[in-house]
Structures are given as structure tokens and as C-alpha cells.
Amino acid sequence: MLMGIAGIGGLLYLRVWLPLTGIYIPCVFREVTGLWCPGCGMTRLVLSLMELDLLQAIRYNVLVFFLAPLYMIYLLLVWRGKRKHSSILMGVMVMMTIAFGVLRNISYFAWLAPTEI
């Protein structure tokens, strides 16, 4: 029930609050440092997915499309009691997230930053 309430709240935020007010929750990391964090672009990604614009969603944050299936595998490993394998996979996902956060702030990898096409 709590997940349902959170889902409805998120949907209202994305579909009602943002279009009416234009007031969004800013990324604190970006506001303080001026750098892209690994999660920057997530709100726009979800909005693009809600409009079935997969290509634009990928441009906002490509990391999600790699982490989502890995996280499902992680949950399966945890459910099956494979602690060692799930721990290794979680370490890989954390390293991917850190690397993505660093790379998207290097000019050579600027294409990883959230952009509109």
C-alpha cells in the first residue's frame, strides 16, 4: 500500500505539479558543485518514458538502462540466497555508477550528460 501511495504521489508530481508550476526538485549535488551526478536527468527520463520516447529517455540518463536489468538479477540472487554473487554484483553496480558520474563530467564524454535531442 505504501508503494502505491508513493507511486501515485510520483505520478502527481510528474504529471500535475511540474506542468502547472514548473517548480522541480533540483539536484543538490549539481547546485553545489556544478557537476552532473549519476542521477541527473532521472525526472526527465521518467517523463520521456511516460511519453514513450525511449531515445530521449536514453539521452537523459543511459546508466538506468544498464543498472535496471542488473538490479533485477541482484534481487533474484538475493532471493535465492546467493550472498557472494549478489555482493559482487552490487559492487559492480556501485563501480558503474561512480564511473558514470565521473565520466559524464569529462569533456570527452560530455555526450553522457543529460541532453535533449
PDB file of N, CA and C in Angstrom:
ATOM      1  N   MET A   1       0.823  -1.191   0.000  1.00  0.00           N
ATOM      2  CA  MET A   1       0.000   0.000   0.000  1.00  0.00           C
ATOM      3  C   MET A   1       0.871   1.260   0.000  1.00  0.00           C
ATOM      4  N   LEU A   2       1.969   1.205   0.774  1.00  0.00           N
ATOM      5  CA  LEU A   2       2.878   2.341   0.830  1.00  0.00           C
ATOM      6  C   LEU A   2       3.504   2.609  -0.541  1.00  0.00           C
ATOM      7  N   MET A   3       3.836   1.534  -1.257  1.00  0.00           N
ATOM      8  CA  MET A   3       4.405   1.682  -2.605  1.00  0.00           C
ATOM      9  C   MET A   3       3.382   2.316  -3.548  1.00  0.00           C
ATOM     10  N   GLY A   4       2.121   1.948  -3.404  1.00  0.00           N
ATOM     11  CA  GLY A   4       1.059   2.521  -4.231  1.00  0.00           C
ATOM     12  C   GLY A   4       0.900   4.006  -3.983  1.00  0.00           C
ATOM     13  N   ILE A   5       0.937   4.391  -2.717  1.00  0.00           N
ATOM     14  CA  ILE A   5       0.830   5.808  -2.363  1.00  0.00           C
ATOM     15  C   ILE A   5       2.019   6.585  -2.926  1.00  0.00           C
ATOM     16  N   ALA A   6       3.216   6.008  -2.791  1.00  0.00           N
ATOM     17  CA  ALA A   6       4.415   6.663  -3.327  1.00  0.00           C
ATOM     18  C   ALA A   6       4.318   6.780  -4.850  1.00  0.00           C
ATOM     19  N   GLY A   7       3.821   5.743  -5.503  1.00  0.00           N
ATOM     20  CA  GLY A   7       3.665   5.771  -6.958  1.00  0.00           C
ATOM     21  C   GLY A   7       2.674   6.837  -7.409  1.00  0.00           C
ATOM     22  N   ILE A   8       1.554   6.936  -6.707  1.00  0.00           N
ATOM     23  CA  ILE A   8       0.552   7.958  -7.039  1.00  0.00           C
ATOM     24  C   ILE A   8       1.129   9.349  -6.802  1.00  0.00           C
ATOM     25  N   GLY A   9       1.859   9.507  -5.696  1.00  0.00           N
ATOM     26  CA  GLY A   9       2.492  10.802  -5.413  1.00  0.00           C
ATOM     27  C   GLY A   9       3.490  11.185  -6.492  1.00  0.00           C
ATOM     28  N   GLY A  10       4.293  10.211  -6.932  1.00  0.00           N
ATOM     29  CA  GLY A  10       5.258  10.479  -8.001  1.00  0.00           C
ATOM     30  C   GLY A  10       4.577  10.843  -9.298  1.00  0.00           C
ATOM     31  N   LEU A  11       3.504  10.145  -9.607  1.00  0.00           N
ATOM     32  CA  LEU A  11       2.754  10.432 -10.831  1.00  0.00           C
ATOM     33  C   LEU A  11       2.140  11.830 -10.786  1.00  0.00           C
ATOM     34  N   LEU A  12       1.578  12.187  -9.638  1.00  0.00           N
ATOM     35  CA  LEU A  12       1.020  13.534  -9.488  1.00  0.00           C
ATOM     36  C   LEU A  12       2.103  14.603  -9.619  1.00  0.00           C
ATOM     37  N   TYR A  13       3.273  14.331  -9.046  1.00  0.00           N
ATOM     38  CA  TYR A  13       4.389  15.274  -9.157  1.00  0.00           C
ATOM     39  C   TYR A  13       4.777  15.477 -10.621  1.00  0.00           C
ATOM     40  N   LEU A  14       4.909  14.354 -11.352  1.00  0.00           N
ATOM     41  CA  LEU A  14       5.379  14.426 -12.735  1.00  0.00           C
ATOM     42  C   LEU A  14       4.341  14.958 -13.705  1.00  0.00           C
ATOM     43  N   ARG A  15       3.081  14.579 -13.522  1.00  0.00           N
ATOM     44  CA  ARG A  15       2.046  14.909 -14.499  1.00  0.00           C
ATOM     45  C   ARG A  15       1.205  16.123 -14.149  1.00  0.00           C
ATOM     46  N   VAL A  16       1.180  16.502 -12.872  1.00  0.00           N
ATOM     47  CA  VAL A  16       0.344  17.631 -12.473  1.00  0.00           C
ATOM     48  C   VAL A  16       1.203  18.797 -11.974  1.00  0.00           C
ATOM     49  N   TRP A  17       2.012  18.556 -10.950  1.00  0.00           N
ATOM     50  CA  TRP A  17       2.789  19.627 -10.319  1.00  0.00           C
ATOM     51  C   TRP A  17       3.771  20.285 -11.292  1.00  0.00           C
ATOM     52  N   LEU A  18       4.616  19.485 -11.949  1.00  0.00           N
ATOM     53  CA  LEU A  18       5.626  20.055 -12.853  1.00  0.00           C
ATOM     54  C   LEU A  18       5.008  20.862 -13.988  1.00  0.00           C
ATOM     55  N   PRO A  19       4.006  20.328 -14.718  1.00  0.00           N
ATOM     56  CA  PRO A  19       3.433  21.132 -15.811  1.00  0.00           C
ATOM     57  C   PRO A  19       2.738  22.403 -15.330  1.00  0.00           C
ATOM     58  N   LEU A  20       2.098  22.360 -14.164  1.00  0.00           N
ATOM     59  CA  LEU A  20       1.375  23.532 -13.684  1.00  0.00           C
ATOM     60  C   LEU A  20       2.296  24.615 -13.128  1.00  0.00           C
ATOM     61  N   THR A  21       3.315  24.196 -12.386  1.00  0.00           N
ATOM     62  CA  THR A  21       4.133  25.185 -11.680  1.00  0.00           C
ATOM     63  C   THR A  21       5.509  25.394 -12.298  1.00  0.00           C
ATOM     64  N   GLY A  22       6.047  24.379 -12.937  1.00  0.00           N
ATOM     65  CA  GLY A  22       7.412  24.473 -13.441  1.00  0.00           C
ATOM     66  C   GLY A  22       8.446  24.390 -12.328  1.00  0.00           C
ATOM     67  N   ILE A  23       7.984  24.149 -11.106  1.00  0.00           N
ATOM     68  CA  ILE A  23       8.877  24.046  -9.955  1.00  0.00           C
ATOM     69  C   ILE A  23       9.260  22.585  -9.784  1.00  0.00           C
ATOM     70  N   TYR A  24      10.530  22.309  -9.880  1.00  0.00           N
ATOM     71  CA  TYR A  24      11.015  20.937  -9.770  1.00  0.00           C
ATOM     72  C   TYR A  24      11.969  20.819  -8.597  1.00  0.00           C
ATOM     73  N   ILE A  25      12.249  19.579  -8.226  1.00  0.00           N
ATOM     74  CA  ILE A  25      13.216  19.332  -7.159  1.00  0.00           C
ATOM     75  C   ILE A  25      14.604  19.330  -7.796  1.00  0.00           C
ATOM     76  N   PRO A  26      15.441  20.306  -7.466  1.00  0.00           N
ATOM     77  CA  PRO A  26      16.758  20.373  -8.096  1.00  0.00           C
ATOM     78  C   PRO A  26      17.715  19.328  -7.516  1.00  0.00           C
ATOM     79  N   CYS A  27      18.727  19.008  -8.284  1.00  0.00           N
ATOM     80  CA  CYS A  27      19.783  18.111  -7.813  1.00  0.00           C
ATOM     81  C   CYS A  27      20.711  18.932  -6.904  1.00  0.00           C
ATOM     82  N   VAL A  28      20.757  18.571  -5.644  1.00  0.00           N
ATOM     83  CA  VAL A  28      21.574  19.305  -4.676  1.00  0.00           C
ATOM     84  C   VAL A  28      23.047  19.228  -5.068  1.00  0.00           C
ATOM     85  N   PHE A  29      23.496  18.051  -5.515  1.00  0.00           N
ATOM     86  CA  PHE A  29      24.893  17.885  -5.923  1.00  0.00           C
ATOM     87  C   PHE A  29      25.231  18.854  -7.055  1.00  0.00           C
ATOM     88  N   ARG A  30      24.358  18.950  -8.057  1.00  0.00           N
ATOM     89  CA  ARG A  30      24.596  19.859  -9.190  1.00  0.00           C
ATOM     90  C   ARG A  30      24.550  21.313  -8.744  1.00  0.00           C
ATOM     91  N   GLU A  31      23.619  21.647  -7.860  1.00  0.00           N
ATOM     92  CA  GLU A  31      23.500  23.022  -7.365  1.00  0.00           C
ATOM     93  C   GLU A  31      24.761  23.460  -6.620  1.00  0.00           C
ATOM     94  N   VAL A  32      25.349  22.548  -5.853  1.00  0.00           N
ATOM     95  CA  VAL A  32      26.519  22.886  -5.026  1.00  0.00           C
ATOM     96  C   VAL A  32      27.805  22.856  -5.847  1.00  0.00           C
ATOM     97  N   THR A  33      27.975  21.814  -6.690  1.00  0.00           N
ATOM     98  CA  THR A  33      29.253  21.633  -7.383  1.00  0.00           C
ATOM     99  C   THR A  33      29.255  22.089  -8.836  1.00  0.00           C
ATOM    100  N   GLY A  34      28.087  22.167  -9.458  1.00  0.00           N
ATOM    101  CA  GLY A  34      28.018  22.480 -10.883  1.00  0.00           C
ATOM    102  C   GLY A  34      28.312  21.275 -11.759  1.00  0.00           C
ATOM    103  N   LEU A  35      28.465  20.098 -11.152  1.00  0.00           N
ATOM    104  CA  LEU A  35      28.761  18.870 -11.893  1.00  0.00           C
ATOM    105  C   LEU A  35      27.517  18.001 -11.999  1.00  0.00           C
ATOM    106  N   TRP A  36      27.504  17.135 -13.018  1.00  0.00           N
ATOM    107  CA  TRP A  36      26.408  16.180 -13.167  1.00  0.00           C
ATOM    108  C   TRP A  36      26.632  15.009 -12.219  1.00  0.00           C
ATOM    109  N   CYS A  37      25.621  14.664 -11.426  1.00  0.00           N
ATOM    110  CA  CYS A  37      25.711  13.464 -10.594  1.00  0.00           C
ATOM    111  C   CYS A  37      25.216  12.284 -11.431  1.00  0.00           C
ATOM    112  N   PRO A  38      25.430  11.053 -10.981  1.00  0.00           N
ATOM    113  CA  PRO A  38      24.967   9.897 -11.753  1.00  0.00           C
ATOM    114  C   PRO A  38      23.450   9.851 -11.937  1.00  0.00           C
ATOM    115  N   GLY A  39      22.707  10.534 -11.080  1.00  0.00           N
ATOM    116  CA  GLY A  39      21.253  10.516 -11.185  1.00  0.00           C
ATOM    117  C   GLY A  39      20.652  11.690 -11.922  1.00  0.00           C
ATOM    118  N   CYS A  40      21.465  12.656 -12.317  1.00  0.00           N
ATOM    119  CA  CYS A  40      20.933  13.817 -13.026  1.00  0.00           C
ATOM    120  C   CYS A  40      20.246  13.370 -14.320  1.00  0.00           C
ATOM    121  N   GLY A  41      19.066  13.911 -14.536  1.00  0.00           N
ATOM    122  CA  GLY A  41      18.292  13.578 -15.724  1.00  0.00           C
ATOM    123  C   GLY A  41      17.198  12.553 -15.458  1.00  0.00           C
ATOM    124  N   MET A  42      17.103  12.055 -14.228  1.00  0.00           N
ATOM    125  CA  MET A  42      16.142  11.000 -13.918  1.00  0.00           C
ATOM    126  C   MET A  42      14.685  11.458 -14.056  1.00  0.00           C
ATOM    127  N   THR A  43      14.360  12.652 -13.603  1.00  0.00           N
ATOM    128  CA  THR A  43      12.983  13.132 -13.722  1.00  0.00           C
ATOM    129  C   THR A  43      12.608  13.261 -15.186  1.00  0.00           C
ATOM    130  N   ARG A  44      13.488  13.843 -15.979  1.00  0.00           N
ATOM    131  CA  ARG A  44      13.210  13.989 -17.406  1.00  0.00           C
ATOM    132  C   ARG A  44      13.164  12.634 -18.099  1.00  0.00           C
ATOM    133  N   LEU A  45      13.984  11.677 -17.632  1.00  0.00           N
ATOM    134  CA  LEU A  45      13.957  10.323 -18.164  1.00  0.00           C
ATOM    135  C   LEU A  45      12.575   9.703 -17.944  1.00  0.00           C
ATOM    136  N   VAL A  46      12.055   9.804 -16.733  1.00  0.00           N
ATOM    137  CA  VAL A  46      10.742   9.229 -16.430  1.00  0.00           C
ATOM    138  C   VAL A  46       9.661   9.908 -17.263  1.00  0.00           C
ATOM    139  N   LEU A  47       9.722  11.220 -17.393  1.00  0.00           N
ATOM    140  CA  LEU A  47       8.745  11.932 -18.221  1.00  0.00           C
ATOM    141  C   LEU A  47       8.813  11.464 -19.673  1.00  0.00           C
ATOM    142  N   SER A  48      10.020  11.248 -20.187  1.00  0.00           N
ATOM    143  CA  SER A  48      10.179  10.760 -21.561  1.00  0.00           C
ATOM    144  C   SER A  48       9.620   9.352 -21.708  1.00  0.00           C
ATOM    145  N   LEU A  49       9.854   8.503 -20.725  1.00  0.00           N
ATOM    146  CA  LEU A  49       9.304   7.146 -20.777  1.00  0.00           C
ATOM    147  C   LEU A  49       7.782   7.167 -20.718  1.00  0.00           C
ATOM    148  N   MET A  50       7.229   8.085 -19.950  1.00  0.00           N
ATOM    149  CA  MET A  50       5.774   8.198 -19.875  1.00  0.00           C
ATOM    150  C   MET A  50       5.182   8.626 -21.217  1.00  0.00           C
ATOM    151  N   GLU A  51       5.976   9.316 -22.028  1.00  0.00           N
ATOM    152  CA  GLU A  51       5.543   9.719 -23.361  1.00  0.00           C
ATOM    153  C   GLU A  51       5.999   8.722 -24.426  1.00  0.00           C
ATOM    154  N   LEU A  52       6.569   7.592 -23.965  1.00  0.00           N
ATOM    155  CA  LEU A  52       7.064   6.516 -24.841  1.00  0.00           C
ATOM    156  C   LEU A  52       8.177   6.980 -25.776  1.00  0.00           C
ATOM    157  N   ASP A  53       8.956   7.956 -25.333  1.00  0.00           N
ATOM    158  CA  ASP A  53      10.095   8.461 -26.109  1.00  0.00           C
ATOM    159  C   ASP A  53      11.369   7.831 -25.546  1.00  0.00           C
ATOM    160  N   LEU A  54      11.638   6.595 -25.956  1.00  0.00           N
ATOM    161  CA  LEU A  54      12.762   5.827 -25.419  1.00  0.00           C
ATOM    162  C   LEU A  54      14.104   6.465 -25.767  1.00  0.00           C
ATOM    163  N   LEU A  55      14.263   6.944 -26.979  1.00  0.00           N
ATOM    164  CA  LEU A  55      15.540   7.541 -27.391  1.00  0.00           C
ATOM    165  C   LEU A  55      15.882   8.758 -26.528  1.00  0.00           C
ATOM    166  N   GLN A  56      14.891   9.616 -26.274  1.00  0.00           N
ATOM    167  CA  GLN A  56      15.154  10.786 -25.430  1.00  0.00           C
ATOM    168  C   GLN A  56      15.443  10.360 -23.998  1.00  0.00           C
ATOM    169  N   ALA A  57      14.751   9.347 -23.516  1.00  0.00           N
ATOM    170  CA  ALA A  57      14.999   8.844 -22.157  1.00  0.00           C
ATOM    171  C   ALA A  57      16.440   8.368 -22.026  1.00  0.00           C
ATOM    172  N   ILE A  58      16.925   7.670 -23.026  1.00  0.00           N
ATOM    173  CA  ILE A  58      18.318   7.197 -23.022  1.00  0.00           C
ATOM    174  C   ILE A  58      19.283   8.380 -22.982  1.00  0.00           C
ATOM    175  N   ARG A  59      18.977   9.452 -23.691  1.00  0.00           N
ATOM    176  CA  ARG A  59      19.859  10.627 -23.710  1.00  0.00           C
ATOM    177  C   ARG A  59      19.902  11.342 -22.355  1.00  0.00           C
ATOM    178  N   TYR A  60      18.828  11.231 -21.590  1.00  0.00           N
ATOM    179  CA  TYR A  60      18.823  11.884 -20.281  1.00  0.00           C
ATOM    180  C   TYR A  60      19.676  11.141 -19.264  1.00  0.00           C
ATOM    181  N   ASN A  61      19.619   9.807 -19.266  1.00  0.00           N
ATOM    182  CA  ASN A  61      20.439   9.046 -18.322  1.00  0.00           C
ATOM    183  C   ASN A  61      20.524   7.594 -18.781  1.00  0.00           C
ATOM    184  N   VAL A  62      21.550   7.277 -19.536  1.00  0.00           N
ATOM    185  CA  VAL A  62      21.715   5.943 -20.104  1.00  0.00           C
ATOM    186  C   VAL A  62      22.045   4.895 -19.036  1.00  0.00           C
ATOM    187  N   LEU A  63      22.602   5.306 -17.928  1.00  0.00           N
ATOM    188  CA  LEU A  63      23.001   4.364 -16.877  1.00  0.00           C
ATOM    189  C   LEU A  63      21.826   3.518 -16.389  1.00  0.00           C
ATOM    190  N   VAL A  64      20.661   4.114 -16.302  1.00  0.00           N
ATOM    191  CA  VAL A  64      19.480   3.400 -15.803  1.00  0.00           C
ATOM    192  C   VAL A  64      19.198   2.151 -16.630  1.00  0.00           C
ATOM    193  N   PHE A  65      19.424   2.225 -17.923  1.00  0.00           N
ATOM    194  CA  PHE A  65      19.110   1.106 -18.805  1.00  0.00           C
ATOM    195  C   PHE A  65      20.118  -0.037 -18.669  1.00  0.00           C
ATOM    196  N   PHE A  66      21.246   0.226 -18.048  1.00  0.00           N
ATOM    197  CA  PHE A  66      22.205  -0.827 -17.727  1.00  0.00           C
ATOM    198  C   PHE A  66      21.965  -1.355 -16.309  1.00  0.00           C
ATOM    199  N   LEU A  67      21.673  -0.434 -15.385  1.00  0.00           N
ATOM    200  CA  LEU A  67      21.502  -0.840 -13.989  1.00  0.00           C
ATOM    201  C   LEU A  67      20.187  -1.568 -13.727  1.00  0.00           C
ATOM    202  N   ALA A  68      19.123  -1.214 -14.410  1.00  0.00           N
ATOM    203  CA  ALA A  68      17.817  -1.828 -14.137  1.00  0.00           C
ATOM    204  C   ALA A  68      17.840  -3.351 -14.297  1.00  0.00           C
ATOM    205  N   PRO A  69      18.342  -3.888 -15.423  1.00  0.00           N
ATOM    206  CA  PRO A  69      18.384  -5.353 -15.520  1.00  0.00           C
ATOM    207  C   PRO A  69      19.365  -5.984 -14.526  1.00  0.00           C
ATOM    208  N   LEU A  70      20.482  -5.304 -14.274  1.00  0.00           N
ATOM    209  CA  LEU A  70      21.436  -5.831 -13.298  1.00  0.00           C
ATOM    210  C   LEU A  70      20.823  -5.867 -11.902  1.00  0.00           C
ATOM    211  N   TYR A  71      20.015  -4.859 -11.594  1.00  0.00           N
ATOM    212  CA  TYR A  71      19.374  -4.835 -10.278  1.00  0.00           C
ATOM    213  C   TYR A  71      18.351  -5.963 -10.160  1.00  0.00           C
ATOM    214  N   MET A  72      17.659  -6.268 -11.232  1.00  0.00           N
ATOM    215  CA  MET A  72      16.715  -7.396 -11.213  1.00  0.00           C
ATOM    216  C   MET A  72      17.459  -8.711 -10.966  1.00  0.00           C
ATOM    217  N   ILE A  73      18.613  -8.860 -11.591  1.00  0.00           N
ATOM    218  CA  ILE A  73      19.437 -10.047 -11.364  1.00  0.00           C
ATOM    219  C   ILE A  73      19.908 -10.076  -9.912  1.00  0.00           C
ATOM    220  N   TYR A  74      20.307  -8.928  -9.396  1.00  0.00           N
ATOM    221  CA  TYR A  74      20.730  -8.825  -7.998  1.00  0.00           C
ATOM    222  C   TYR A  74      19.609  -9.292  -7.054  1.00  0.00           C
ATOM    223  N   LEU A  75      18.385  -8.811  -7.291  1.00  0.00           N
ATOM    224  CA  LEU A  75      17.257  -9.213  -6.446  1.00  0.00           C
ATOM    225  C   LEU A  75      17.014 -10.718  -6.528  1.00  0.00           C
ATOM    226  N   LEU A  76      17.160 -11.281  -7.711  1.00  0.00           N
ATOM    227  CA  LEU A  76      16.997 -12.719  -7.885  1.00  0.00           C
ATOM    228  C   LEU A  76      18.062 -13.486  -7.101  1.00  0.00           C
ATOM    229  N   LEU A  77      19.297 -13.005  -7.162  1.00  0.00           N
ATOM    230  CA  LEU A  77      20.383 -13.647  -6.413  1.00  0.00           C
ATOM    231  C   LEU A  77      20.145 -13.574  -4.907  1.00  0.00           C
ATOM    232  N   VAL A  78      19.688 -12.426  -4.438  1.00  0.00           N
ATOM    233  CA  VAL A  78      19.382 -12.273  -3.015  1.00  0.00           C
ATOM    234  C   VAL A  78      18.262 -13.231  -2.626  1.00  0.00           C
ATOM    235  N   TRP A  79      17.232 -13.292  -3.440  1.00  0.00           N
ATOM    236  CA  TRP A  79      16.085 -14.160  -3.173  1.00  0.00           C
ATOM    237  C   TRP A  79      16.493 -15.633  -3.108  1.00  0.00           C
ATOM    238  N   ARG A  80      17.478 -15.999  -3.938  1.00  0.00           N
ATOM    239  CA  ARG A  80      17.958 -17.386  -3.955  1.00  0.00           C
ATOM    240  C   ARG A  80      19.038 -17.653  -2.909  1.00  0.00           C
ATOM    241  N   GLY A  81      19.419 -16.638  -2.161  1.00  0.00           N
ATOM    242  CA  GLY A  81      20.395 -16.814  -1.093  1.00  0.00           C
ATOM    243  C   GLY A  81      21.837 -16.854  -1.555  1.00  0.00           C
ATOM    244  N   LYS A  82      22.128 -16.351  -2.719  1.00  0.00           N
ATOM    245  CA  LYS A  82      23.495 -16.323  -3.270  1.00  0.00           C
ATOM    246  C   LYS A  82      24.186 -15.040  -2.807  1.00  0.00           C
ATOM    247  N   ARG A  83      24.575 -15.010  -1.548  1.00  0.00           N
ATOM    248  CA  ARG A  83      25.156 -13.793  -0.968  1.00  0.00           C
ATOM    249  C   ARG A  83      26.426 -13.342  -1.659  1.00  0.00           C
ATOM    250  N   LYS A  84      27.326 -14.259  -1.935  1.00  0.00           N
ATOM    251  CA  LYS A  84      28.602 -13.885  -2.544  1.00  0.00           C
ATOM    252  C   LYS A  84      28.377 -13.265  -3.915  1.00  0.00           C
ATOM    253  N   HIS A  85      27.555 -13.912  -4.729  1.00  0.00           N
ATOM    254  CA  HIS A  85      27.307 -13.406  -6.078  1.00  0.00           C
ATOM    255  C   HIS A  85      26.556 -12.071  -6.062  1.00  0.00           C
ATOM    256  N   SER A  86      25.586 -11.962  -5.149  1.00  0.00           N
ATOM    257  CA  SER A  86      24.837 -10.711  -5.081  1.00  0.00           C
ATOM    258  C   SER A  86      25.726  -9.567  -4.591  1.00  0.00           C
ATOM    259  N   SER A  87      26.636  -9.855  -3.675  1.00  0.00           N
ATOM    260  CA  SER A  87      27.558  -8.819  -3.195  1.00  0.00           C
ATOM    261  C   SER A  87      28.494  -8.351  -4.303  1.00  0.00           C
ATOM    262  N   ILE A  88      28.979  -9.305  -5.089  1.00  0.00           N
ATOM    263  CA  ILE A  88      29.857  -8.946  -6.212  1.00  0.00           C
ATOM    264  C   ILE A  88      29.097  -8.087  -7.210  1.00  0.00           C
ATOM    265  N   LEU A  89      27.867  -8.491  -7.537  1.00  0.00           N
ATOM    266  CA  LEU A  89      27.073  -7.725  -8.497  1.00  0.00           C
ATOM    267  C   LEU A  89      26.772  -6.327  -7.969  1.00  0.00           C
ATOM    268  N   MET A  90      26.474  -6.206  -6.687  1.00  0.00           N
ATOM    269  CA  MET A  90      26.230  -4.884  -6.113  1.00  0.00           C
ATOM    270  C   MET A  90      27.495  -4.027  -6.210  1.00  0.00           C
ATOM    271  N   GLY A  91      28.657  -4.611  -5.961  1.00  0.00           N
ATOM    272  CA  GLY A  91      29.913  -3.880  -6.105  1.00  0.00           C
ATOM    273  C   GLY A  91      30.125  -3.398  -7.529  1.00  0.00           C
ATOM    274  N   VAL A  92      29.797  -4.243  -8.497  1.00  0.00           N
ATOM    275  CA  VAL A  92      29.913  -3.864  -9.914  1.00  0.00           C
ATOM    276  C   VAL A  92      28.974  -2.695 -10.222  1.00  0.00           C
ATOM    277  N   MET A  93      27.754  -2.763  -9.715  1.00  0.00           N
ATOM    278  CA  MET A  93      26.792  -1.684  -9.979  1.00  0.00           C
ATOM    279  C   MET A  93      27.236  -0.369  -9.328  1.00  0.00           C
ATOM    280  N   VAL A  94      27.796  -0.439  -8.133  1.00  0.00           N
ATOM    281  CA  VAL A  94      28.291   0.771  -7.472  1.00  0.00           C
ATOM    282  C   VAL A  94      29.455   1.364  -8.268  1.00  0.00           C
ATOM    283  N   MET A  95      30.372   0.499  -8.733  1.00  0.00           N
ATOM    284  CA  MET A  95      31.508   0.989  -9.521  1.00  0.00           C
ATOM    285  C   MET A  95      31.042   1.599 -10.845  1.00  0.00           C
ATOM    286  N   MET A  96      30.039   0.978 -11.480  1.00  0.00           N
ATOM    287  CA  MET A  96      29.480   1.538 -12.715  1.00  0.00           C
ATOM    288  C   MET A  96      28.901   2.931 -12.459  1.00  0.00           C
ATOM    289  N   THR A  97      28.206   3.080 -11.341  1.00  0.00           N
ATOM    290  CA  THR A  97      27.584   4.354 -11.009  1.00  0.00           C
ATOM    291  C   THR A  97      28.635   5.428 -10.756  1.00  0.00           C
ATOM    292  N   ILE A  98      29.678   5.080 -10.028  1.00  0.00           N
ATOM    293  CA  ILE A  98      30.759   6.040  -9.761  1.00  0.00           C
ATOM    294  C   ILE A  98      31.465   6.419 -11.064  1.00  0.00           C
ATOM    295  N   ALA A  99      31.792   5.429 -11.880  1.00  0.00           N
ATOM    296  CA  ALA A  99      32.471   5.697 -13.156  1.00  0.00           C
ATOM    297  C   ALA A  99      31.600   6.574 -14.055  1.00  0.00           C
ATOM    298  N   PHE A 100      30.321   6.280 -14.109  1.00  0.00           N
ATOM    299  CA  PHE A 100      29.402   7.078 -14.921  1.00  0.00           C
ATOM    300  C   PHE A 100      29.366   8.521 -14.431  1.00  0.00           C
ATOM    301  N   GLY A 101      29.306   8.698 -13.100  1.00  0.00           N
ATOM    302  CA  GLY A 101      29.285  10.041 -12.528  1.00  0.00           C
ATOM    303  C   GLY A 101      30.544  10.830 -12.838  1.00  0.00           C
ATOM    304  N   VAL A 102      31.672  10.157 -12.858  1.00  0.00           N
ATOM    305  CA  VAL A 102      32.934  10.839 -13.173  1.00  0.00           C
ATOM    306  C   VAL A 102      33.020  11.128 -14.672  1.00  0.00           C
ATOM    307  N   LEU A 103      32.747  10.126 -15.482  1.00  0.00           N
ATOM    308  CA  LEU A 103      32.907  10.281 -16.929  1.00  0.00           C
ATOM    309  C   LEU A 103      31.997  11.343 -17.526  1.00  0.00           C
ATOM    310  N   ARG A 104      30.774  11.459 -17.037  1.00  0.00           N
ATOM    311  CA  ARG A 104      29.851  12.414 -17.657  1.00  0.00           C
ATOM    312  C   ARG A 104      30.248  13.860 -17.388  1.00  0.00           C
ATOM    313  N   ASN A 105      31.253  14.077 -16.540  1.00  0.00           N
ATOM    314  CA  ASN A 105      31.751  15.424 -16.268  1.00  0.00           C
ATOM    315  C   ASN A 105      33.085  15.710 -16.948  1.00  0.00           C
ATOM    316  N   ILE A 106      33.580  14.782 -17.748  1.00  0.00           N
ATOM    317  CA  ILE A 106      34.807  14.973 -18.528  1.00  0.00           C
ATOM    318  C   ILE A 106      34.385  15.361 -19.937  1.00  0.00           C
ATOM    319  N   SER A 107      35.007  16.389 -20.477  1.00  0.00           N
ATOM    320  CA  SER A 107      34.558  16.937 -21.763  1.00  0.00           C
ATOM    321  C   SER A 107      34.517  15.890 -22.880  1.00  0.00           C
ATOM    322  N   TYR A 108      35.444  14.936 -22.886  1.00  0.00           N
ATOM    323  CA  TYR A 108      35.459  13.908 -23.926  1.00  0.00           C
ATOM    324  C   TYR A 108      34.202  13.043 -23.869  1.00  0.00           C
ATOM    325  N   PHE A 109      33.644  12.882 -22.686  1.00  0.00           N
ATOM    326  CA  PHE A 109      32.440  12.073 -22.500  1.00  0.00           C
ATOM    327  C   PHE A 109      31.208  12.941 -22.239  1.00  0.00           C
ATOM    328  N   ALA A 110      31.203  14.173 -22.726  1.00  0.00           N
ATOM    329  CA  ALA A 110      30.092  15.090 -22.495  1.00  0.00           C
ATOM    330  C   ALA A 110      28.785  14.542 -23.041  1.00  0.00           C
ATOM    331  N   TRP A 111      28.835  13.617 -23.963  1.00  0.00           N
ATOM    332  CA  TRP A 111      27.614  13.018 -24.512  1.00  0.00           C
ATOM    333  C   TRP A 111      26.867  12.190 -23.471  1.00  0.00           C
ATOM    334  N   LEU A 112      27.494  11.907 -22.336  1.00  0.00           N
ATOM    335  CA  LEU A 112      26.827  11.191 -21.253  1.00  0.00           C
ATOM    336  C   LEU A 112      25.981  12.115 -20.385  1.00  0.00           C
ATOM    337  N   ALA A 113      26.190  13.429 -20.507  1.00  0.00           N
ATOM    338  CA  ALA A 113      25.398  14.390 -19.725  1.00  0.00           C
ATOM    339  C   ALA A 113      23.984  14.430 -20.282  1.00  0.00           C
ATOM    340  N   PRO A 114      22.998  14.757 -19.442  1.00  0.00           N
ATOM    341  CA  PRO A 114      21.621  14.836 -19.909  1.00  0.00           C
ATOM    342  C   PRO A 114      21.471  15.888 -21.000  1.00  0.00           C
ATOM    343  N   THR A 115      20.991  15.465 -22.162  1.00  0.00           N
ATOM    344  CA  THR A 115      20.797  16.391 -23.278  1.00  0.00           C
ATOM    345  C   THR A 115      19.487  16.081 -23.992  1.00  0.00           C
ATOM    346  N   GLU A 116      18.951  17.085 -24.629  1.00  0.00           N
ATOM    347  CA  GLU A 116      17.756  16.891 -25.443  1.00  0.00           C
ATOM    348  C   GLU A 116      18.154  16.689 -26.891  1.00  0.00           C
ATOM    349  N   ILE A 117      17.413  15.847 -27.566  1.00  0.00           N
ATOM    350  CA  ILE A 117      17.698  15.627 -28.999  1.00  0.00           C
ATOM    351  C   ILE A 117      16.584  16.198 -29.836  1.00  0.00           C
TER     352      ILE A 117
END
